[in-house]
Amino acid sequence: MTTVYFVRHAEPDFNNHDDMTRGLSARGLKDRKLVTDFLWDKEIDVILSSPFKRAVDTIGEFAQAKGMEIKLVDDFRERMIGNEWIEDFDDFCKRQWADFDFRRPDGESLREVQRRNIGALAQVLKEYAGKSVVIGSHGTALSTIIHYFDPSFGYNGFQKIKNLMPWIVRFSFKDGGSM
């Protein structure tokens, strides 16, 4: 059995509009302890993360306390929305969930995000079969993974978890089997 704990990052600092370097808010920094407390008694073998600062920072306290390295996996990053900040984010999300191929000219569709994240997950399951893995992740990226396994998880499901930060989802995979 391979166990994967996807950790959706804690509350980010929305004053920073740069996706890669956006860190955590004061609340997010405090809430990292919730992640550390939850994972503490789990037998974790490896810690992976999106390269985005908020994802790394959310699991960083746990990794440091356990003396473990965080390995960055670029394909677990959040979706690329585009080069401009979107004021009406809910409308944009609704359009993307209604049409999995909708994207801005300089951004990614949810299908592209899902393909990238599922491909990275398949590699993790191959490389770390039988292990327990923590993966620092993001709301939309994680939602597309959930949608892959449960197509009924769509916009309404995404809306329900939109403000859950941090949020941990545990997946269990039979070893030797396919996803």
N, C-alpha and C. Protein backbone atom coordinates (compact mmCIF):
# COMPACT_ATOMS: atom_id res chain seq x y z
N MET A 1 0.84 -1.18 0.00
CA MET A 1 0.00 0.00 0.00
C MET A 1 0.90 1.25 0.00
N THR A 2 0.61 2.14 -0.90
CA THR A 2 1.30 3.43 -0.95
C THR A 2 0.32 4.48 -0.47
N THR A 3 0.73 5.27 0.49
CA THR A 3 -0.12 6.32 1.05
C THR A 3 0.44 7.67 0.65
N VAL A 4 -0.43 8.52 0.14
CA VAL A 4 -0.03 9.87 -0.26
C VAL A 4 -0.89 10.87 0.50
N TYR A 5 -0.23 11.76 1.22
CA TYR A 5 -0.91 12.86 1.91
C TYR A 5 -0.67 14.13 1.10
N PHE A 6 -1.70 14.58 0.40
CA PHE A 6 -1.61 15.86 -0.29
C PHE A 6 -1.93 16.95 0.72
N VAL A 7 -1.04 17.91 0.86
CA VAL A 7 -1.24 19.01 1.79
C VAL A 7 -1.46 20.28 0.99
N ARG A 8 -2.69 20.76 1.00
CA ARG A 8 -2.96 22.03 0.37
C ARG A 8 -2.38 23.11 1.27
N HIS A 9 -1.69 24.05 0.69
CA HIS A 9 -0.97 25.07 1.45
C HIS A 9 -1.87 25.84 2.42
N ALA A 10 -1.24 26.43 3.43
CA ALA A 10 -1.94 27.29 4.37
C ALA A 10 -2.25 28.63 3.69
N GLU A 11 -2.92 29.50 4.41
CA GLU A 11 -3.36 30.79 3.84
C GLU A 11 -2.18 31.59 3.30
N PRO A 12 -2.25 31.96 2.00
CA PRO A 12 -1.16 32.74 1.41
C PRO A 12 -1.30 34.23 1.67
N ASP A 13 -0.22 34.93 1.42
CA ASP A 13 -0.20 36.38 1.50
C ASP A 13 -0.64 36.92 0.15
N PHE A 14 -1.91 37.30 0.04
CA PHE A 14 -2.46 37.73 -1.24
C PHE A 14 -1.94 39.09 -1.68
N ASN A 15 -1.16 39.76 -0.84
CA ASN A 15 -0.55 41.03 -1.25
C ASN A 15 0.55 40.80 -2.29
N ASN A 16 1.08 39.59 -2.34
CA ASN A 16 2.10 39.23 -3.32
C ASN A 16 1.38 38.53 -4.47
N HIS A 17 1.39 39.12 -5.65
CA HIS A 17 0.68 38.55 -6.80
C HIS A 17 1.55 37.63 -7.64
N ASP A 18 2.78 37.37 -7.22
CA ASP A 18 3.67 36.47 -7.95
C ASP A 18 3.47 35.05 -7.43
N ASP A 19 2.95 34.19 -8.29
CA ASP A 19 2.60 32.84 -7.88
C ASP A 19 3.77 32.06 -7.27
N MET A 20 4.94 32.18 -7.88
CA MET A 20 6.10 31.40 -7.45
C MET A 20 6.61 31.83 -6.07
N THR A 21 6.61 33.12 -5.79
CA THR A 21 7.23 33.61 -4.55
C THR A 21 6.22 33.98 -3.47
N ARG A 22 4.92 33.84 -3.75
CA ARG A 22 3.90 34.18 -2.75
C ARG A 22 4.06 33.27 -1.54
N GLY A 23 4.36 33.89 -0.41
CA GLY A 23 4.52 33.13 0.83
C GLY A 23 3.20 33.01 1.57
N LEU A 24 3.31 32.78 2.86
CA LEU A 24 2.14 32.61 3.71
C LEU A 24 1.83 33.90 4.46
N SER A 25 0.56 34.07 4.79
CA SER A 25 0.13 35.19 5.63
C SER A 25 0.55 34.88 7.07
N ALA A 26 0.34 35.82 7.97
CA ALA A 26 0.63 35.58 9.39
C ALA A 26 -0.18 34.38 9.89
N ARG A 27 -1.45 34.32 9.49
CA ARG A 27 -2.28 33.17 9.88
C ARG A 27 -1.73 31.88 9.29
N GLY A 28 -1.32 31.93 8.01
CA GLY A 28 -0.77 30.75 7.35
C GLY A 28 0.48 30.24 8.05
N LEU A 29 1.34 31.16 8.47
CA LEU A 29 2.56 30.76 9.20
C LEU A 29 2.20 30.06 10.50
N LYS A 30 1.18 30.57 11.16
CA LYS A 30 0.73 29.96 12.43
C LYS A 30 0.11 28.58 12.17
N ASP A 31 -0.69 28.48 11.10
CA ASP A 31 -1.41 27.24 10.81
C ASP A 31 -0.52 26.10 10.33
N ARG A 32 0.74 26.38 10.01
CA ARG A 32 1.66 25.29 9.65
C ARG A 32 1.75 24.26 10.76
N LYS A 33 1.59 24.71 11.98
CA LYS A 33 1.65 23.80 13.13
C LYS A 33 0.55 22.74 13.05
N LEU A 34 -0.60 23.09 12.49
CA LEU A 34 -1.68 22.11 12.31
C LEU A 34 -1.22 20.97 11.41
N VAL A 35 -0.47 21.30 10.37
CA VAL A 35 0.05 20.29 9.45
C VAL A 35 1.07 19.42 10.18
N THR A 36 2.00 20.06 10.87
CA THR A 36 3.02 19.32 11.62
C THR A 36 2.36 18.38 12.63
N ASP A 37 1.38 18.88 13.38
CA ASP A 37 0.69 18.06 14.38
C ASP A 37 -0.02 16.87 13.74
N PHE A 38 -0.68 17.10 12.61
CA PHE A 38 -1.41 16.01 11.95
C PHE A 38 -0.46 14.93 11.44
N LEU A 39 0.63 15.35 10.83
CA LEU A 39 1.55 14.39 10.20
C LEU A 39 2.53 13.75 11.20
N TRP A 40 2.65 14.31 12.37
CA TRP A 40 3.73 13.95 13.29
C TRP A 40 3.84 12.45 13.55
N ASP A 41 2.73 11.78 13.81
CA ASP A 41 2.80 10.36 14.18
C ASP A 41 2.68 9.42 12.97
N LYS A 42 2.64 9.99 11.79
CA LYS A 42 2.59 9.16 10.58
C LYS A 42 4.03 8.75 10.22
N GLU A 43 4.17 7.58 9.69
CA GLU A 43 5.48 7.08 9.26
C GLU A 43 5.76 7.57 7.84
N ILE A 44 6.23 8.78 7.72
CA ILE A 44 6.46 9.40 6.41
C ILE A 44 7.86 9.04 5.91
N ASP A 45 7.93 8.58 4.66
CA ASP A 45 9.20 8.18 4.07
C ASP A 45 9.83 9.26 3.21
N VAL A 46 9.00 10.07 2.59
CA VAL A 46 9.53 11.09 1.68
C VAL A 46 8.58 12.29 1.66
N ILE A 47 9.16 13.47 1.46
CA ILE A 47 8.38 14.70 1.37
C ILE A 47 8.69 15.37 0.04
N LEU A 48 7.63 15.60 -0.73
CA LEU A 48 7.73 16.25 -2.03
C LEU A 48 6.89 17.51 -1.99
N SER A 49 7.13 18.41 -2.92
CA SER A 49 6.32 19.62 -2.96
C SER A 49 6.36 20.29 -4.32
N SER A 50 5.29 21.01 -4.58
CA SER A 50 5.29 22.00 -5.63
C SER A 50 6.45 22.96 -5.30
N PRO A 51 7.06 23.57 -6.30
CA PRO A 51 8.15 24.51 -6.01
C PRO A 51 7.67 25.87 -5.50
N PHE A 52 6.36 26.11 -5.48
CA PHE A 52 5.84 27.41 -5.05
C PHE A 52 6.05 27.58 -3.54
N LYS A 53 6.51 28.76 -3.16
CA LYS A 53 6.91 29.04 -1.78
C LYS A 53 5.84 28.70 -0.75
N ARG A 54 4.58 29.02 -1.01
CA ARG A 54 3.53 28.77 -0.03
C ARG A 54 3.35 27.28 0.24
N ALA A 55 3.53 26.44 -0.77
CA ALA A 55 3.41 24.99 -0.58
C ALA A 55 4.60 24.47 0.23
N VAL A 56 5.80 24.91 -0.13
CA VAL A 56 7.01 24.48 0.59
C VAL A 56 6.96 24.95 2.04
N ASP A 57 6.58 26.20 2.25
CA ASP A 57 6.54 26.74 3.61
C ASP A 57 5.51 26.02 4.49
N THR A 58 4.41 25.56 3.90
CA THR A 58 3.37 24.89 4.69
C THR A 58 3.87 23.57 5.26
N ILE A 59 4.67 22.82 4.52
CA ILE A 59 5.17 21.53 5.02
C ILE A 59 6.59 21.64 5.56
N GLY A 60 7.19 22.81 5.42
CA GLY A 60 8.59 23.00 5.83
C GLY A 60 8.84 22.80 7.31
N GLU A 61 7.93 23.26 8.13
CA GLU A 61 8.09 23.10 9.57
C GLU A 61 8.13 21.62 9.95
N PHE A 62 7.23 20.82 9.35
CA PHE A 62 7.21 19.38 9.59
C PHE A 62 8.51 18.74 9.12
N ALA A 63 8.93 19.07 7.91
CA ALA A 63 10.16 18.49 7.36
C ALA A 63 11.35 18.81 8.25
N GLN A 64 11.44 20.05 8.68
CA GLN A 64 12.57 20.46 9.52
C GLN A 64 12.54 19.72 10.86
N ALA A 65 11.36 19.62 11.47
CA ALA A 65 11.24 18.93 12.76
C ALA A 65 11.62 17.46 12.65
N LYS A 66 11.35 16.85 11.51
CA LYS A 66 11.67 15.44 11.30
C LYS A 66 13.07 15.25 10.70
N GLY A 67 13.74 16.34 10.37
CA GLY A 67 15.07 16.25 9.77
C GLY A 67 15.04 15.67 8.37
N MET A 68 13.98 15.98 7.63
CA MET A 68 13.82 15.43 6.28
C MET A 68 13.95 16.54 5.24
N GLU A 69 14.38 16.14 4.06
CA GLU A 69 14.52 17.07 2.94
C GLU A 69 13.19 17.13 2.18
N ILE A 70 12.89 18.30 1.63
CA ILE A 70 11.74 18.45 0.74
C ILE A 70 12.27 18.42 -0.69
N LYS A 71 11.80 17.46 -1.46
CA LYS A 71 12.19 17.36 -2.87
C LYS A 71 11.14 18.09 -3.71
N LEU A 72 11.58 19.03 -4.52
CA LEU A 72 10.66 19.81 -5.34
C LEU A 72 10.32 19.08 -6.64
N VAL A 73 9.05 19.06 -6.96
CA VAL A 73 8.56 18.43 -8.19
C VAL A 73 7.77 19.49 -8.93
N ASP A 74 8.34 20.00 -10.00
CA ASP A 74 7.75 21.10 -10.74
C ASP A 74 6.33 20.80 -11.22
N ASP A 75 6.05 19.56 -11.58
CA ASP A 75 4.74 19.22 -12.12
C ASP A 75 3.62 19.23 -11.09
N PHE A 76 3.94 19.38 -9.81
CA PHE A 76 2.91 19.53 -8.78
C PHE A 76 2.54 20.99 -8.54
N ARG A 77 3.08 21.90 -9.36
CA ARG A 77 2.78 23.33 -9.17
C ARG A 77 1.30 23.60 -9.47
N GLU A 78 0.86 24.77 -9.01
CA GLU A 78 -0.50 25.22 -9.26
C GLU A 78 -0.66 25.60 -10.73
N ARG A 79 -1.89 25.71 -11.17
CA ARG A 79 -2.14 26.06 -12.57
C ARG A 79 -1.64 27.48 -12.86
N MET A 80 -1.24 27.66 -14.08
CA MET A 80 -0.85 28.98 -14.57
C MET A 80 -2.13 29.65 -15.06
N ILE A 81 -2.54 30.70 -14.35
CA ILE A 81 -3.76 31.41 -14.73
C ILE A 81 -3.50 32.32 -15.91
N GLY A 82 -2.39 33.00 -15.86
CA GLY A 82 -2.02 33.96 -16.89
C GLY A 82 -1.10 35.00 -16.30
N ASN A 83 -0.76 35.98 -17.09
CA ASN A 83 0.20 36.98 -16.64
C ASN A 83 -0.44 38.16 -15.92
N GLU A 84 -1.76 38.20 -15.84
CA GLU A 84 -2.44 39.30 -15.16
C GLU A 84 -3.26 38.78 -14.00
N TRP A 85 -3.34 39.57 -12.93
CA TRP A 85 -4.14 39.23 -11.76
C TRP A 85 -5.61 39.26 -12.16
N ILE A 86 -6.39 38.28 -11.74
CA ILE A 86 -7.81 38.21 -12.07
C ILE A 86 -8.61 38.72 -10.88
N GLU A 87 -9.39 39.76 -11.11
CA GLU A 87 -10.21 40.33 -10.03
C GLU A 87 -11.41 39.44 -9.71
N ASP A 88 -12.12 38.93 -10.73
CA ASP A 88 -13.29 38.09 -10.49
C ASP A 88 -12.87 36.62 -10.63
N PHE A 89 -12.18 36.14 -9.61
CA PHE A 89 -11.62 34.80 -9.63
C PHE A 89 -12.72 33.74 -9.67
N ASP A 90 -13.85 33.98 -8.97
CA ASP A 90 -14.93 33.00 -8.95
C ASP A 90 -15.51 32.77 -10.35
N ASP A 91 -15.71 33.84 -11.10
CA ASP A 91 -16.22 33.71 -12.46
C ASP A 91 -15.24 32.93 -13.33
N PHE A 92 -13.97 33.22 -13.20
CA PHE A 92 -12.94 32.51 -13.95
C PHE A 92 -12.97 31.01 -13.61
N CYS A 93 -13.06 30.69 -12.32
CA CYS A 93 -13.09 29.29 -11.90
C CYS A 93 -14.33 28.58 -12.43
N LYS A 94 -15.47 29.25 -12.37
CA LYS A 94 -16.71 28.68 -12.90
C LYS A 94 -16.56 28.31 -14.37
N ARG A 95 -15.98 29.21 -15.13
CA ARG A 95 -15.77 28.96 -16.56
C ARG A 95 -14.84 27.77 -16.77
N GLN A 96 -13.79 27.67 -15.95
CA GLN A 96 -12.85 26.55 -16.12
C GLN A 96 -13.48 25.21 -15.76
N TRP A 97 -14.27 25.18 -14.69
CA TRP A 97 -14.90 23.92 -14.31
C TRP A 97 -16.02 23.54 -15.28
N ALA A 98 -16.67 24.52 -15.90
CA ALA A 98 -17.72 24.24 -16.89
C ALA A 98 -17.11 23.72 -18.20
N ASP A 99 -15.91 24.17 -18.50
CA ASP A 99 -15.21 23.76 -19.73
C ASP A 99 -13.77 23.45 -19.35
N PHE A 100 -13.47 22.16 -19.14
CA PHE A 100 -12.16 21.72 -18.65
C PHE A 100 -11.01 22.14 -19.57
N ASP A 101 -11.32 22.57 -20.79
CA ASP A 101 -10.30 23.01 -21.74
C ASP A 101 -10.19 24.53 -21.83
N PHE A 102 -11.03 25.26 -21.08
CA PHE A 102 -10.98 26.73 -21.12
C PHE A 102 -9.70 27.22 -20.42
N ARG A 103 -9.06 28.16 -21.10
CA ARG A 103 -7.89 28.78 -20.50
C ARG A 103 -7.69 30.15 -21.12
N ARG A 104 -6.98 30.99 -20.40
CA ARG A 104 -6.59 32.27 -20.96
C ARG A 104 -5.42 32.02 -21.92
N PRO A 105 -5.18 32.91 -22.86
CA PRO A 105 -4.12 32.66 -23.86
C PRO A 105 -2.75 32.36 -23.24
N ASP A 106 -2.46 32.93 -22.09
CA ASP A 106 -1.16 32.72 -21.46
C ASP A 106 -1.26 31.83 -20.22
N GLY A 107 -2.33 31.03 -20.13
CA GLY A 107 -2.53 30.19 -18.96
C GLY A 107 -2.76 28.74 -19.31
N GLU A 108 -3.16 27.95 -18.30
CA GLU A 108 -3.41 26.52 -18.47
C GLU A 108 -4.89 26.21 -18.25
N SER A 109 -5.38 25.21 -18.94
CA SER A 109 -6.72 24.69 -18.70
C SER A 109 -6.64 23.72 -17.52
N LEU A 110 -7.79 23.41 -16.95
CA LEU A 110 -7.80 22.42 -15.87
C LEU A 110 -7.38 21.05 -16.37
N ARG A 111 -7.70 20.75 -17.63
CA ARG A 111 -7.27 19.46 -18.19
C ARG A 111 -5.74 19.39 -18.24
N GLU A 112 -5.10 20.48 -18.63
CA GLU A 112 -3.63 20.50 -18.68
C GLU A 112 -3.04 20.35 -17.27
N VAL A 113 -3.64 21.02 -16.31
CA VAL A 113 -3.17 20.92 -14.92
C VAL A 113 -3.35 19.49 -14.42
N GLN A 114 -4.51 18.92 -14.70
CA GLN A 114 -4.78 17.55 -14.27
C GLN A 114 -3.79 16.57 -14.88
N ARG A 115 -3.56 16.68 -16.18
CA ARG A 115 -2.63 15.78 -16.88
C ARG A 115 -1.25 15.85 -16.24
N ARG A 116 -0.80 17.07 -15.98
CA ARG A 116 0.53 17.28 -15.41
C ARG A 116 0.62 16.69 -14.00
N ASN A 117 -0.39 16.95 -13.18
CA ASN A 117 -0.38 16.46 -11.80
C ASN A 117 -0.55 14.95 -11.71
N ILE A 118 -1.42 14.38 -12.55
CA ILE A 118 -1.61 12.92 -12.55
C ILE A 118 -0.35 12.24 -13.06
N GLY A 119 0.31 12.82 -14.04
CA GLY A 119 1.57 12.27 -14.51
C GLY A 119 2.62 12.25 -13.42
N ALA A 120 2.69 13.34 -12.65
CA ALA A 120 3.65 13.41 -11.53
C ALA A 120 3.28 12.39 -10.45
N LEU A 121 1.99 12.25 -10.18
CA LEU A 121 1.54 11.28 -9.18
C LEU A 121 1.88 9.86 -9.63
N ALA A 122 1.69 9.54 -10.90
CA ALA A 122 2.03 8.21 -11.41
C ALA A 122 3.51 7.92 -11.20
N GLN A 123 4.36 8.91 -11.42
CA GLN A 123 5.79 8.74 -11.21
C GLN A 123 6.10 8.52 -9.73
N VAL A 124 5.42 9.25 -8.86
CA VAL A 124 5.59 9.07 -7.40
C VAL A 124 5.20 7.65 -7.00
N LEU A 125 4.08 7.16 -7.51
CA LEU A 125 3.61 5.82 -7.15
C LEU A 125 4.58 4.74 -7.65
N LYS A 126 5.21 5.00 -8.76
CA LYS A 126 6.20 4.06 -9.28
C LYS A 126 7.49 4.10 -8.45
N GLU A 127 7.96 5.30 -8.18
CA GLU A 127 9.24 5.47 -7.49
C GLU A 127 9.17 5.16 -5.99
N TYR A 128 8.02 5.41 -5.38
CA TYR A 128 7.90 5.26 -3.93
C TYR A 128 6.84 4.23 -3.55
N ALA A 129 6.71 3.18 -4.34
CA ALA A 129 5.73 2.13 -4.06
C ALA A 129 5.94 1.57 -2.66
N GLY A 130 4.85 1.43 -1.93
CA GLY A 130 4.90 0.88 -0.58
C GLY A 130 5.32 1.88 0.49
N LYS A 131 5.50 3.11 0.12
CA LYS A 131 5.96 4.16 1.05
C LYS A 131 4.80 5.08 1.43
N SER A 132 5.07 5.94 2.39
CA SER A 132 4.15 7.02 2.76
C SER A 132 4.79 8.33 2.34
N VAL A 133 4.03 9.11 1.56
CA VAL A 133 4.56 10.29 0.91
C VAL A 133 3.71 11.51 1.28
N VAL A 134 4.37 12.61 1.56
CA VAL A 134 3.69 13.90 1.75
C VAL A 134 3.99 14.73 0.50
N ILE A 135 2.95 15.39 -0.04
CA ILE A 135 3.13 16.25 -1.20
C ILE A 135 2.51 17.61 -0.91
N GLY A 136 3.32 18.66 -0.89
CA GLY A 136 2.83 20.03 -0.75
C GLY A 136 2.14 20.45 -2.03
N SER A 137 0.90 20.89 -1.93
CA SER A 137 0.09 21.11 -3.12
C SER A 137 -0.72 22.40 -3.02
N HIS A 138 -1.68 22.53 -3.94
CA HIS A 138 -2.50 23.72 -4.10
C HIS A 138 -3.96 23.35 -4.31
N GLY A 139 -4.85 24.29 -4.08
CA GLY A 139 -6.29 24.03 -4.17
C GLY A 139 -6.76 23.54 -5.51
N THR A 140 -6.41 24.24 -6.57
CA THR A 140 -6.88 23.84 -7.90
C THR A 140 -6.19 22.58 -8.37
N ALA A 141 -4.88 22.51 -8.19
CA ALA A 141 -4.14 21.32 -8.60
C ALA A 141 -4.70 20.08 -7.90
N LEU A 142 -4.90 20.17 -6.60
CA LEU A 142 -5.43 19.04 -5.83
C LEU A 142 -6.86 18.73 -6.26
N SER A 143 -7.65 19.74 -6.54
CA SER A 143 -9.03 19.51 -7.00
C SER A 143 -9.07 18.73 -8.31
N THR A 144 -8.13 19.01 -9.21
CA THR A 144 -8.12 18.26 -10.49
C THR A 144 -7.71 16.81 -10.26
N ILE A 145 -6.87 16.57 -9.26
CA ILE A 145 -6.50 15.19 -8.92
C ILE A 145 -7.71 14.46 -8.36
N ILE A 146 -8.42 15.09 -7.44
CA ILE A 146 -9.63 14.48 -6.88
C ILE A 146 -10.63 14.21 -8.01
N HIS A 147 -10.80 15.17 -8.91
CA HIS A 147 -11.72 15.03 -10.04
C HIS A 147 -11.34 13.84 -10.93
N TYR A 148 -10.06 13.59 -11.08
CA TYR A 148 -9.59 12.45 -11.88
C TYR A 148 -10.14 11.14 -11.33
N PHE A 149 -10.11 11.00 -10.00
CA PHE A 149 -10.56 9.77 -9.36
C PHE A 149 -12.06 9.76 -9.08
N ASP A 150 -12.64 10.95 -8.96
CA ASP A 150 -14.07 11.10 -8.69
C ASP A 150 -14.61 12.24 -9.54
N PRO A 151 -15.06 11.95 -10.77
CA PRO A 151 -15.52 13.00 -11.68
C PRO A 151 -16.68 13.84 -11.15
N SER A 152 -17.36 13.39 -10.10
CA SER A 152 -18.44 14.20 -9.53
C SER A 152 -17.89 15.39 -8.74
N PHE A 153 -16.59 15.36 -8.43
CA PHE A 153 -15.97 16.50 -7.75
C PHE A 153 -15.67 17.54 -8.82
N GLY A 154 -16.43 18.61 -8.80
CA GLY A 154 -16.27 19.67 -9.79
C GLY A 154 -16.27 21.04 -9.13
N TYR A 155 -16.90 21.98 -9.78
CA TYR A 155 -16.91 23.36 -9.28
C TYR A 155 -17.47 23.45 -7.86
N ASN A 156 -18.58 22.75 -7.58
CA ASN A 156 -19.16 22.81 -6.23
C ASN A 156 -18.21 22.26 -5.18
N GLY A 157 -17.54 21.17 -5.51
CA GLY A 157 -16.54 20.62 -4.59
C GLY A 157 -15.40 21.59 -4.38
N PHE A 158 -14.95 22.19 -5.47
CA PHE A 158 -13.88 23.19 -5.39
C PHE A 158 -14.31 24.36 -4.51
N GLN A 159 -15.55 24.81 -4.66
CA GLN A 159 -16.05 25.91 -3.84
C GLN A 159 -16.06 25.55 -2.35
N LYS A 160 -16.38 24.29 -2.05
CA LYS A 160 -16.44 23.86 -0.65
C LYS A 160 -15.07 23.87 0.02
N ILE A 161 -14.01 23.63 -0.76
CA ILE A 161 -12.68 23.56 -0.17
C ILE A 161 -11.89 24.86 -0.38
N LYS A 162 -12.49 25.80 -1.09
CA LYS A 162 -11.79 27.02 -1.48
C LYS A 162 -11.11 27.73 -0.30
N ASN A 163 -11.77 27.75 0.83
CA ASN A 163 -11.21 28.46 1.98
C ASN A 163 -10.61 27.54 3.03
N LEU A 164 -10.45 26.26 2.71
CA LEU A 164 -9.82 25.32 3.64
C LEU A 164 -8.31 25.34 3.42
N MET A 165 -7.62 26.06 4.27
CA MET A 165 -6.17 26.20 4.16
C MET A 165 -5.56 26.21 5.56
N PRO A 166 -4.72 25.27 5.86
CA PRO A 166 -4.32 24.11 5.07
C PRO A 166 -5.43 23.05 5.05
N TRP A 167 -5.28 22.12 4.12
CA TRP A 167 -6.22 21.01 3.98
C TRP A 167 -5.42 19.80 3.55
N ILE A 168 -5.65 18.66 4.22
CA ILE A 168 -4.90 17.44 3.92
C ILE A 168 -5.86 16.38 3.40
N VAL A 169 -5.49 15.78 2.27
CA VAL A 169 -6.27 14.70 1.68
C VAL A 169 -5.37 13.47 1.59
N ARG A 170 -5.87 12.35 2.12
CA ARG A 170 -5.09 11.10 2.12
C ARG A 170 -5.62 10.18 1.03
N PHE A 171 -4.70 9.71 0.20
CA PHE A 171 -5.00 8.72 -0.83
C PHE A 171 -4.24 7.45 -0.50
N SER A 172 -4.86 6.31 -0.72
CA SER A 172 -4.18 5.02 -0.58
C SER A 172 -4.25 4.28 -1.91
N PHE A 173 -3.12 3.75 -2.34
CA PHE A 173 -3.03 3.05 -3.61
C PHE A 173 -2.49 1.65 -3.37
N LYS A 174 -3.13 0.65 -3.98
CA LYS A 174 -2.61 -0.71 -3.91
C LYS A 174 -1.34 -0.77 -4.73
N ASP A 175 -0.31 -1.35 -4.16
CA ASP A 175 0.97 -1.45 -4.88
C ASP A 175 0.85 -2.44 -6.02
N GLY A 176 1.54 -2.09 -7.11
CA GLY A 176 1.55 -2.94 -8.29
C GLY A 176 0.33 -2.75 -9.17
N GLY A 177 -0.64 -2.02 -8.66
CA GLY A 177 -1.84 -1.78 -9.46
C GLY A 177 -1.77 -0.43 -10.14
N SER A 178 -2.67 -0.22 -11.02
CA SER A 178 -2.69 1.08 -11.70
C SER A 178 -3.52 2.05 -10.88
N MET A 179 -3.38 3.32 -11.23
CA MET A 179 -4.18 4.33 -10.55
C MET A 179 -5.60 4.13 -10.97
